Amino acid sequence: MGGNKMELKNVAFIGRTYEEYMAMFDLEEKIFTRGGPVLDCPAGPSSFTAEACTRGCQATACDILYTGGLYDLTLRELETRGRQDLAVIGQKLEGISHLFRWGYYGDKEGHMGHRNAALSRFLADYRDGVKKGRYVHAELPRLPFADRSFALVLSSHFLFLYGDRLSPGFHAESLKEMSRVSSGEVRVYPIQGLDAKPYPHMDVVLKLLELGGIRAEIRPTPFEFFRGANRMLVLKAG
């Protein structure tokens, strides 16, 4: 038996595909064709925005590592960071495979295939996407977008996943900010940490959101990779 937690020193620069987003956020394509623009926050090297735009969706991705910020990484530097982090994740999975359900991917190789595919598709779209405003530098808990700019905001594998190093106040402020720029819903997945356990301060965060006039509910999702990670947090302005 391996360990009981994926030990990561830093927030990993790894991404998910369009198909994974559809599953984990329990989405239907009509939500994009009828619902208005979508924000992926923070997106990392996910290929959701690139793939959604090819399907006619108006999608935007934002991340702290995109050009224009303190880090201002070049395309090659983003690729190097992504490949390095993927190598680390691949090694970490060896000792903690018992923490996961492999049905969606089949096995570790299938999972890593999705990770590499997402990174490659992101890199292929990045330069052109920056020019066209698809990839925007942003750092939570502040976003450079006007109120109600997006019909839907998606947040994958950041906040609660790294809950051991981000305070409840940071979580609440980030969620309030994502709600500010959304005219519809904010969906956040997963709501577990790297130890595959539920975020321990969720009650505190939900109370802070309630005080800010934001309605929150926890909904089931058909996607589950970390064992037990089959729910998402959904926010709506009150």
Protein backbone atom coordinates (compact mmCIF):
# COMPACT_ATOMS: atom_id res chain seq x y z
CA MET A 1 0.00 0.00 0.00
CA GLY A 2 1.30 3.45 -0.89
CA GLY A 3 0.75 6.76 0.82
CA ASN A 4 -2.57 8.45 1.48
CA LYS A 5 -1.91 11.79 -0.19
CA MET A 6 -0.44 13.17 -3.40
CA GLU A 7 2.47 15.24 -2.13
CA LEU A 8 3.09 18.29 -4.33
CA LYS A 9 5.42 21.16 -3.41
CA ASN A 10 3.76 23.63 -5.80
CA VAL A 11 0.48 24.03 -7.64
CA ALA A 12 0.91 21.74 -10.64
CA PHE A 13 0.66 23.25 -14.13
CA ILE A 14 -1.42 20.45 -15.63
CA GLY A 15 -4.69 20.62 -17.54
CA ARG A 16 -7.79 18.73 -18.57
CA THR A 17 -9.52 18.23 -21.89
CA TYR A 18 -12.89 19.47 -23.12
CA GLU A 19 -14.37 16.00 -22.65
CA GLU A 20 -13.17 15.85 -19.06
CA TYR A 21 -14.71 19.25 -18.33
CA MET A 22 -18.02 18.11 -19.78
CA ALA A 23 -17.97 15.10 -17.44
CA MET A 24 -16.64 16.63 -14.24
CA PHE A 25 -18.91 19.70 -14.44
CA ASP A 26 -21.87 17.65 -15.71
CA LEU A 27 -22.35 19.91 -18.76
CA GLU A 28 -24.32 19.64 -21.98
CA GLU A 29 -23.12 21.33 -25.17
CA LYS A 30 -26.31 23.37 -25.48
CA ILE A 31 -25.20 25.37 -22.45
CA PHE A 32 -22.43 26.83 -24.61
CA THR A 33 -24.43 27.46 -27.77
CA ARG A 34 -27.29 29.13 -25.91
CA GLY A 35 -25.84 30.38 -22.68
CA GLY A 36 -23.19 32.94 -23.56
CA PRO A 37 -19.45 33.23 -22.85
CA VAL A 38 -17.62 30.87 -20.50
CA LEU A 39 -14.59 31.51 -18.27
CA ASP A 40 -12.11 28.83 -17.19
CA CYS A 41 -10.46 30.10 -13.98
CA PRO A 42 -7.70 29.25 -13.31
CA ALA A 43 -7.18 27.23 -16.46
CA GLY A 44 -3.53 26.23 -16.45
CA PRO A 45 -2.75 24.31 -19.65
CA SER A 46 -6.27 22.88 -20.01
CA SER A 47 -7.43 22.51 -23.60
CA PHE A 48 -11.06 23.29 -22.76
CA THR A 49 -10.93 26.84 -24.13
CA ALA A 50 -9.19 25.85 -27.36
CA GLU A 51 -11.58 22.98 -27.97
CA ALA A 52 -14.71 24.89 -26.94
CA CYS A 53 -13.88 27.72 -29.34
CA THR A 54 -13.60 25.28 -32.24
CA ARG A 55 -17.14 24.19 -31.35
CA GLY A 56 -18.48 27.74 -31.59
CA CYS A 57 -18.35 28.57 -27.89
CA GLN A 58 -17.06 31.96 -26.74
CA ALA A 59 -14.56 30.79 -24.12
CA THR A 60 -11.81 32.55 -22.19
CA ALA A 61 -9.08 31.07 -19.99
CA CYS A 62 -7.16 32.91 -17.28
CA ASP A 63 -4.16 31.93 -15.20
CA ILE A 64 -1.37 33.45 -13.14
CA LEU A 65 1.30 32.05 -15.49
CA TYR A 66 -0.08 33.50 -18.72
CA THR A 67 1.74 36.35 -20.42
CA GLY A 68 1.42 39.81 -18.93
CA GLY A 69 1.92 39.05 -15.26
CA LEU A 70 4.79 38.73 -12.84
CA TYR A 71 5.93 35.41 -14.31
CA ASP A 72 5.24 36.27 -17.97
CA LEU A 73 6.35 32.85 -19.20
CA THR A 74 7.09 32.29 -22.88
CA LEU A 75 5.43 29.47 -24.79
CA ARG A 76 8.57 27.36 -24.44
CA GLU A 77 8.74 28.04 -20.71
CA LEU A 78 5.07 27.07 -20.33
CA GLU A 79 5.75 23.84 -22.20
CA THR A 80 8.79 23.07 -20.04
CA ARG A 81 6.83 23.72 -16.85
CA GLY A 82 3.94 21.59 -18.10
CA ARG A 83 6.13 18.65 -19.15
CA GLN A 84 8.06 18.74 -15.88
CA ASP A 85 4.91 18.79 -13.78
CA LEU A 86 3.44 15.93 -15.81
CA ALA A 87 6.54 13.86 -15.14
CA VAL A 88 6.19 14.52 -11.41
CA ILE A 89 2.50 13.59 -11.45
CA GLY A 90 3.27 10.39 -13.34
CA GLN A 91 5.77 9.37 -10.70
CA LYS A 92 3.46 10.29 -7.81
CA LEU A 93 0.61 8.17 -9.17
CA GLU A 94 2.68 5.00 -8.78
CA GLY A 95 2.47 4.93 -5.01
CA ILE A 96 -1.08 6.16 -4.50
CA SER A 97 -3.10 4.38 -7.18
CA HIS A 98 -5.47 3.13 -4.46
CA LEU A 99 -6.77 6.69 -4.02
CA PHE A 100 -8.30 6.71 -7.52
CA ARG A 101 -11.07 5.17 -9.56
CA TRP A 102 -9.63 4.36 -12.98
CA GLY A 103 -12.84 3.64 -14.88
CA TYR A 104 -12.89 6.87 -16.92
CA TYR A 105 -9.26 6.52 -18.01
CA GLY A 106 -8.77 2.76 -17.86
CA ASP A 107 -5.34 2.94 -16.26
CA LYS A 108 -2.44 5.26 -15.49
CA GLU A 109 -1.34 5.34 -19.12
CA GLY A 110 -4.83 6.39 -20.20
CA HIS A 111 -4.88 9.13 -17.60
CA MET A 112 -1.47 10.46 -18.61
CA GLY A 113 -2.56 10.34 -22.24
CA HIS A 114 -5.35 12.79 -21.42
CA ARG A 115 -2.91 15.04 -19.53
CA ASN A 116 -0.48 15.14 -22.45
CA ALA A 117 -3.25 15.68 -24.98
CA ALA A 118 -4.59 18.64 -23.02
CA LEU A 119 -1.16 20.25 -22.75
CA SER A 120 -0.35 19.77 -26.44
CA ARG A 121 -3.69 21.23 -27.58
CA PHE A 122 -3.27 24.19 -25.23
CA LEU A 123 0.25 24.90 -26.48
CA ALA A 124 -0.88 24.73 -30.12
CA ASP A 125 -3.57 27.36 -29.45
CA TYR A 126 -1.76 29.61 -27.01
CA ARG A 127 0.04 32.14 -29.24
CA ASP A 128 -2.97 32.80 -31.45
CA GLY A 129 -5.28 32.69 -28.43
CA VAL A 130 -3.28 35.37 -26.60
CA LYS A 131 -3.56 37.67 -29.62
CA LYS A 132 -7.30 37.10 -29.77
CA GLY A 133 -7.84 37.56 -26.03
CA ARG A 134 -8.62 33.92 -25.22
CA TYR A 135 -5.78 33.61 -22.70
CA VAL A 136 -5.67 36.35 -20.07
CA HIS A 137 -3.29 36.83 -17.18
CA ALA A 138 -5.16 36.87 -13.87
CA GLU A 139 -4.39 36.09 -10.25
CA LEU A 140 -7.10 35.19 -7.77
CA PRO A 141 -8.72 36.62 -5.73
CA ARG A 142 -8.94 39.48 -8.27
CA LEU A 143 -10.01 39.10 -11.90
CA PRO A 144 -9.61 41.69 -14.69
CA PHE A 145 -13.16 41.30 -15.99
CA ALA A 146 -16.28 43.42 -15.65
CA ASP A 147 -19.26 42.35 -13.56
CA ARG A 148 -21.38 39.61 -15.13
CA SER A 149 -19.03 39.19 -18.10
CA PHE A 150 -19.61 35.43 -18.36
CA ALA A 151 -22.69 33.23 -18.38
CA LEU A 152 -20.74 30.42 -16.72
CA VAL A 153 -17.47 30.23 -14.77
CA LEU A 154 -15.68 26.90 -14.36
CA SER A 155 -12.91 26.30 -11.86
CA SER A 156 -11.05 23.01 -12.07
CA HIS A 157 -8.50 21.42 -9.73
CA PHE A 158 -7.26 24.43 -7.83
CA LEU A 159 -9.06 25.88 -4.82
CA PHE A 160 -10.12 22.97 -2.64
CA LEU A 161 -7.56 20.60 -4.11
CA TYR A 162 -4.87 22.79 -2.52
CA GLY A 163 -6.92 23.60 0.57
CA ASP A 164 -4.02 22.64 2.83
CA ARG A 165 -2.11 25.76 1.73
CA LEU A 166 -4.91 28.23 0.90
CA SER A 167 -6.88 29.87 3.72
CA PRO A 168 -10.68 29.76 4.00
CA GLY A 169 -10.62 33.54 3.51
CA PHE A 170 -8.76 33.15 0.21
CA HIS A 171 -11.25 30.53 -0.91
CA ALA A 172 -14.21 32.75 -0.05
CA GLU A 173 -12.75 35.86 -1.70
CA SER A 174 -11.85 33.90 -4.85
CA LEU A 175 -15.33 32.39 -5.06
CA LYS A 176 -16.96 35.79 -4.52
CA GLU A 177 -14.83 37.21 -7.33
CA MET A 178 -15.77 34.42 -9.71
CA SER A 179 -19.40 35.02 -8.80
CA ARG A 180 -18.98 38.72 -9.52
CA VAL A 181 -17.95 38.10 -13.12
CA SER A 182 -20.69 35.50 -13.68
CA SER A 183 -24.27 36.25 -14.68
CA GLY A 184 -25.19 32.61 -14.16
CA GLU A 185 -23.38 29.88 -12.28
CA VAL A 186 -19.91 29.18 -10.95
CA ARG A 187 -19.02 25.49 -10.85
CA VAL A 188 -16.01 24.28 -8.86
CA TYR A 189 -14.54 20.77 -8.98
CA PRO A 190 -13.26 18.93 -7.01
CA ILE A 191 -14.17 19.83 -3.45
CA GLN A 192 -11.60 17.43 -2.00
CA GLY A 193 -7.93 17.86 -1.23
CA LEU A 194 -4.84 16.04 -2.42
CA ASP A 195 -5.50 13.53 0.36
CA ALA A 196 -8.84 12.64 -1.33
CA LYS A 197 -10.68 13.90 1.77
CA PRO A 198 -13.43 16.57 1.76
CA TYR A 199 -12.22 20.13 2.28
CA PRO A 200 -12.37 20.51 6.10
CA HIS A 201 -13.39 24.20 6.22
CA MET A 202 -16.27 24.10 3.75
CA ASP A 203 -18.79 25.24 6.38
CA VAL A 204 -16.73 28.36 7.05
CA VAL A 205 -16.44 29.17 3.33
CA LEU A 206 -20.15 28.62 2.72
CA LYS A 207 -21.03 30.92 5.62
CA LEU A 208 -18.77 33.66 4.24
CA LEU A 209 -20.43 33.29 0.84
CA GLU A 210 -23.88 33.47 2.40
CA LEU A 211 -22.93 36.68 4.18
CA GLY A 212 -21.86 38.02 0.78
CA GLY A 213 -25.27 37.28 -0.72
CA ILE A 214 -24.13 34.24 -2.74
CA ARG A 215 -26.19 31.06 -2.79
CA ALA A 216 -24.18 27.86 -2.77
CA GLU A 217 -25.10 24.23 -3.17
CA ILE A 218 -23.19 20.99 -3.51
CA ARG A 219 -24.34 18.89 -6.46
CA PRO A 220 -23.45 15.38 -7.59
CA THR A 221 -21.39 14.93 -10.74
CA PRO A 222 -21.01 11.69 -12.71
CA PHE A 223 -17.22 12.08 -12.88
CA GLU A 224 -15.02 10.52 -10.19
CA PHE A 225 -11.24 10.09 -10.33
CA PHE A 226 -10.11 10.76 -6.77
CA ARG A 227 -12.21 8.32 -4.75
CA GLY A 228 -15.23 10.16 -3.39
CA ALA A 229 -14.71 13.21 -5.62
CA ASN A 230 -18.14 12.97 -7.21
CA ARG A 231 -19.56 16.33 -6.14
CA MET A 232 -19.04 19.93 -7.19
CA LEU A 233 -19.75 23.31 -5.60
CA VAL A 234 -22.23 25.47 -7.54
CA LEU A 235 -22.69 29.17 -6.83
CA LYS A 236 -25.39 31.65 -7.86
CA ALA A 237 -25.77 35.28 -6.97
CA GLY A 238 -28.48 35.75 -4.36
